[in-house]
C-alpha atoms as a PDB file:
ATOM      1  CA  MET A   1      55.445  49.349  66.580  1.00  0.00           C
ATOM      2  CA  GLU A   2      56.132  46.666  69.112  1.00  0.00           C
ATOM      3  CA  ILE A   3      55.428  43.018  68.328  1.00  0.00           C
ATOM      4  CA  ASN A   4      52.775  42.863  71.112  1.00  0.00           C
ATOM      5  CA  GLU A   5      50.851  45.820  69.603  1.00  0.00           C
ATOM      6  CA  THR A   6      50.110  44.122  66.268  1.00  0.00           C
ATOM      7  CA  LYS A   7      48.241  41.007  65.086  1.00  0.00           C
ATOM      8  CA  ILE A   8      50.756  38.326  64.030  1.00  0.00           C
ATOM      9  CA  THR A   9      49.353  36.742  60.885  1.00  0.00           C
ATOM     10  CA  ASN A  10      52.297  34.476  59.903  1.00  0.00           C
ATOM     11  CA  LEU A  11      54.663  32.438  61.948  1.00  0.00           C
ATOM     12  CA  GLU A  12      57.320  30.349  60.272  1.00  0.00           C
ATOM     13  CA  VAL A  13      60.659  28.596  60.715  1.00  0.00           C
ATOM     14  CA  ALA A  14      63.318  30.421  58.762  1.00  0.00           C
ATOM     15  CA  GLU A  15      66.396  28.450  57.626  1.00  0.00           C
ATOM     16  CA  GLU A  16      69.509  30.473  57.255  1.00  0.00           C
ATOM     17  CA  TYR A  17      72.786  29.616  55.596  1.00  0.00           C
ATOM     18  CA  HIS A  18      75.359  32.237  56.172  1.00  0.00           C
ATOM     19  CA  ASP A  19      78.892  33.031  57.490  1.00  0.00           C
ATOM     20  CA  CYS A  20      78.241  32.170  61.078  1.00  0.00           C
ATOM     21  CA  ARG A  21      81.794  32.299  62.368  1.00  0.00           C
ATOM     22  CA  GLN A  22      80.860  34.976  64.828  1.00  0.00           C
ATOM     23  CA  ARG A  23      77.660  33.184  65.980  1.00  0.00           C
ATOM     24  CA  CYS A  24      79.552  29.938  66.416  1.00  0.00           C
ATOM     25  CA  GLY A  25      82.524  31.540  68.169  1.00  0.00           C
ATOM     26  CA  ARG A  26      84.844  30.824  65.238  1.00  0.00           C
ATOM     27  CA  ILE A  27      85.791  34.364  64.221  1.00  0.00           C
ATOM     28  CA  GLU A  28      88.354  34.906  66.953  1.00  0.00           C
ATOM     29  CA  TYR A  29      90.288  31.845  65.819  1.00  0.00           C
ATOM     30  CA  ASP A  30      90.038  32.634  62.064  1.00  0.00           C
ATOM     31  CA  TRP A  31      88.603  29.176  61.435  1.00  0.00           C
ATOM     32  CA  PRO A  32      87.019  28.456  58.045  1.00  0.00           C
ATOM     33  CA  VAL A  33      83.467  29.517  57.407  1.00  0.00           C
ATOM     34  CA  CYS A  34      80.951  26.952  58.549  1.00  0.00           C
ATOM     35  CA  ASP A  35      78.113  26.289  56.186  1.00  0.00           C
ATOM     36  CA  HIS A  36      75.538  24.515  58.377  1.00  0.00           C
ATOM     37  CA  LYS A  37      72.028  25.666  58.764  1.00  0.00           C
ATOM     38  CA  HIS A  38      70.782  27.935  61.546  1.00  0.00           C
ATOM     39  CA  PHE A  39      67.104  28.092  62.366  1.00  0.00           C
ATOM     40  CA  SER A  40      65.113  30.995  63.613  1.00  0.00           C
ATOM     41  CA  LEU A  41      61.448  31.675  64.180  1.00  0.00           C
ATOM     42  CA  LYS A  42      60.007  34.573  62.194  1.00  0.00           C
ATOM     43  CA  ALA A  43      56.721  36.324  62.932  1.00  0.00           C
ATOM     44  CA  SER A  44      55.132  38.833  60.571  1.00  0.00           C
ATOM     45  CA  ASP A  45      51.953  40.893  60.317  1.00  0.00           C
ATOM     46  CA  ASP A  46      49.800  41.891  57.327  1.00  0.00           C
ATOM     47  CA  PHE A  47      51.562  45.216  56.979  1.00  0.00           C
ATOM     48  CA  GLY A  48      54.853  43.501  56.285  1.00  0.00           C
ATOM     49  CA  ARG A  49      56.753  44.060  59.505  1.00  0.00           C
ATOM     50  CA  GLN A  50      58.712  41.046  60.676  1.00  0.00           C
ATOM     51  CA  TRP A  51      60.421  39.939  63.953  1.00  0.00           C
ATOM     52  CA  PHE A  52      62.798  37.176  64.763  1.00  0.00           C
ATOM     53  CA  LEU A  53      62.998  35.292  67.934  1.00  0.00           C
ATOM     54  CA  THR A  54      66.197  36.202  69.742  1.00  0.00           C
ATOM     55  CA  THR A  55      66.057  33.884  72.733  1.00  0.00           C
ATOM     56  CA  LEU A  56      66.798  30.527  71.063  1.00  0.00           C
ATOM     57  CA  ASN A  57      68.989  28.153  72.949  1.00  0.00           C
ATOM     58  CA  PHE A  58      70.133  25.190  70.902  1.00  0.00           C
ATOM     59  CA  LYS A  59      72.029  22.314  72.395  1.00  0.00           C
ATOM     60  CA  ASP A  60      74.816  22.259  69.686  1.00  0.00           C
ATOM     61  CA  GLU A  61      75.183  24.498  66.717  1.00  0.00           C
ATOM     62  CA  TYR A  62      76.163  21.508  64.623  1.00  0.00           C
ATOM     63  CA  ALA A  63      73.261  19.164  65.449  1.00  0.00           C
ATOM     64  CA  GLU A  64      70.994  20.504  62.617  1.00  0.00           C
ATOM     65  CA  GLU A  65      68.357  17.732  62.877  1.00  0.00           C
ATOM     66  CA  GLU A  66      67.952  18.211  66.593  1.00  0.00           C
ATOM     67  CA  ASN A  67      67.829  21.956  66.383  1.00  0.00           C
ATOM     68  CA  GLU A  68      65.237  21.693  63.541  1.00  0.00           C
ATOM     69  CA  GLU A  69      63.078  19.513  65.874  1.00  0.00           C
ATOM     70  CA  ILE A  70      63.501  22.050  68.684  1.00  0.00           C
ATOM     71  CA  ILE A  71      62.423  25.004  66.473  1.00  0.00           C
ATOM     72  CA  LEU A  72      59.448  23.089  65.013  1.00  0.00           C
ATOM     73  CA  LYS A  73      58.220  22.225  68.443  1.00  0.00           C
ATOM     74  CA  LEU A  74      58.643  25.854  69.527  1.00  0.00           C
ATOM     75  CA  GLU A  75      56.793  27.087  66.412  1.00  0.00           C
ATOM     76  CA  LYS A  76      53.798  24.977  67.360  1.00  0.00           C
ATOM     77  CA  LYS A  77      53.854  26.150  70.992  1.00  0.00           C
ATOM     78  CA  VAL A  78      54.079  29.816  69.933  1.00  0.00           C
ATOM     79  CA  GLN A  79      51.312  29.337  67.295  1.00  0.00           C
ATOM     80  CA  ALA A  80      49.013  27.715  69.934  1.00  0.00           C
ATOM     81  CA  HIS A  81      49.698  30.718  72.184  1.00  0.00           C
ATOM     82  CA  LEU A  82      48.772  33.151  69.448  1.00  0.00           C
ATOM     83  CA  ASP A  83      45.665  31.078  68.532  1.00  0.00           C
ATOM     84  CA  ASN A  84      44.479  31.419  72.101  1.00  0.00           C
ATOM     85  CA  GLY A  85      44.689  35.240  71.923  1.00  0.00           C
ATOM     86  CA  GLY A  86      48.186  35.506  73.375  1.00  0.00           C
ATOM     87  CA  LYS A  87      50.685  38.228  72.532  1.00  0.00           C
ATOM     88  CA  LEU A  88      54.368  37.856  71.857  1.00  0.00           C
ATOM     89  CA  ASN A  89      56.824  39.328  74.380  1.00  0.00           C
ATOM     90  CA  PRO A  90      58.904  42.161  72.701  1.00  0.00           C
ATOM     91  CA  ASP A  91      61.855  41.344  75.013  1.00  0.00           C
ATOM     92  CA  CYS A  92      62.314  38.071  73.111  1.00  0.00           C
ATOM     93  CA  TRP A  93      61.893  39.261  69.546  1.00  0.00           C
ATOM     94  CA  THR A  94      64.037  41.606  67.388  1.00  0.00           C
ATOM     95  CA  GLU A  95      62.403  43.617  64.601  1.00  0.00           C
ATOM     96  CA  GLY A  96      63.911  42.931  61.233  1.00  0.00           C
ATOM     97  CA  HIS A  97      63.653  44.988  58.055  1.00  0.00           C
ATOM     98  CA  PRO A  98      60.271  44.829  56.438  1.00  0.00           C
ATOM     99  CA  MET A  99      59.358  42.377  53.736  1.00  0.00           C
ATOM    100  CA  TYR A 100      60.313  43.773  50.363  1.00  0.00           C
ATOM    101  CA  GLY A 101      57.347  45.278  48.508  1.00  0.00           C
ATOM    102  CA  SER A 102      55.028  45.312  51.513  1.00  0.00           C
ATOM    103  CA  ASP A 103      53.307  48.309  52.860  1.00  0.00           C
ATOM    104  CA  ALA A 104      55.829  48.388  55.707  1.00  0.00           C
ATOM    105  CA  TRP A 105      58.741  48.345  53.088  1.00  0.00           C
ATOM    106  CA  ILE A 106      57.168  51.319  51.257  1.00  0.00           C
ATOM    107  CA  ALA A 107      56.889  53.244  54.511  1.00  0.00           C
ATOM    108  CA  PHE A 108      60.438  52.210  55.441  1.00  0.00           C
ATOM    109  CA  GLU A 109      61.726  53.412  52.064  1.00  0.00           C
ATOM    110  CA  ARG A 110      59.909  56.680  52.256  1.00  0.00           C
ATOM    111  CA  GLU A 111      60.684  57.455  55.911  1.00  0.00           C
ATOM    112  CA  GLU A 112      64.179  56.070  56.335  1.00  0.00           C
ATOM    113  CA  LEU A 113      65.948  55.521  52.972  1.00  0.00           C
ATOM    114  CA  ALA A 114      64.669  58.465  50.819  1.00  0.00           C
ATOM    115  CA  PRO A 115      65.895  61.228  53.228  1.00  0.00           C
ATOM    116  CA  ILE A 116      69.353  59.684  53.289  1.00  0.00           C
ATOM    117  CA  SER A 117      69.429  59.289  49.525  1.00  0.00           C
ATOM    118  CA  GLN A 118      68.476  62.941  49.146  1.00  0.00           C
ATOM    119  CA  ALA A 119      71.068  64.057  51.633  1.00  0.00           C
ATOM    120  CA  LEU A 120      73.743  62.022  49.866  1.00  0.00           C
ATOM    121  CA  ALA A 121      72.814  63.288  46.458  1.00  0.00           C
ATOM    122  CA  SER A 122      72.831  66.885  47.640  1.00  0.00           C
ATOM    123  CA  GLY A 123      76.277  66.493  49.359  1.00  0.00           C
ATOM    124  CA  HIS A 124      74.832  67.207  52.817  1.00  0.00           C
ATOM    125  CA  LEU A 125      75.727  63.657  54.026  1.00  0.00           C
ATOM    126  CA  HIS A 126      78.824  61.559  53.644  1.00  0.00           C
ATOM    127  CA  GLU A 127      78.600  57.774  53.209  1.00  0.00           C
ATOM    128  CA  ARG A 128      80.511  57.273  56.442  1.00  0.00           C
ATOM    129  CA  ASP A 129      77.743  59.151  58.309  1.00  0.00           C
ATOM    130  CA  ILE A 130      74.934  56.711  57.229  1.00  0.00           C
ATOM    131  CA  PRO A 131      73.589  54.911  60.271  1.00  0.00           C
ATOM    132  CA  ASP A 132      75.006  51.430  60.761  1.00  0.00           C
ATOM    133  CA  SER A 133      71.574  49.855  60.407  1.00  0.00           C
ATOM    134  CA  LEU A 134      71.146  51.347  56.974  1.00  0.00           C
ATOM    135  CA  GLN A 135      74.627  50.936  55.601  1.00  0.00           C
ATOM    136  CA  ALA A 136      73.819  47.793  53.586  1.00  0.00           C
ATOM    137  CA  TYR A 137      71.339  49.761  51.426  1.00  0.00           C
ATOM    138  CA  TYR A 138      74.077  52.122  50.175  1.00  0.00           C
END
């Protein structure tokens, strides 16, 4: 389901700490892992599906306070748009994996993970043939 076809019931700023060498352009130089915060905007619906804003343009990856201000202002702007009946543009949002334990997670587990698990257990599928988007679950 596209983000513009569902009612967004939660919008929040997500703080992320992670190995961001690739995001920060550091991986090609084998620089040490940076440990600063990244911010993203997460939208979710009552079913448990979630989307992340993919069109963020920060001034400087290392200016955490400035970037936090940018994302908080953007959150207010997007929330006002939703409150006025607006929809979110699917070209600007990437669907993430569903929230664990939600109805969307249960459907994801049943429709995506269970068939792969069964195929692996029966020997009809090799681990190297699991789709990239599902590799982390196995």
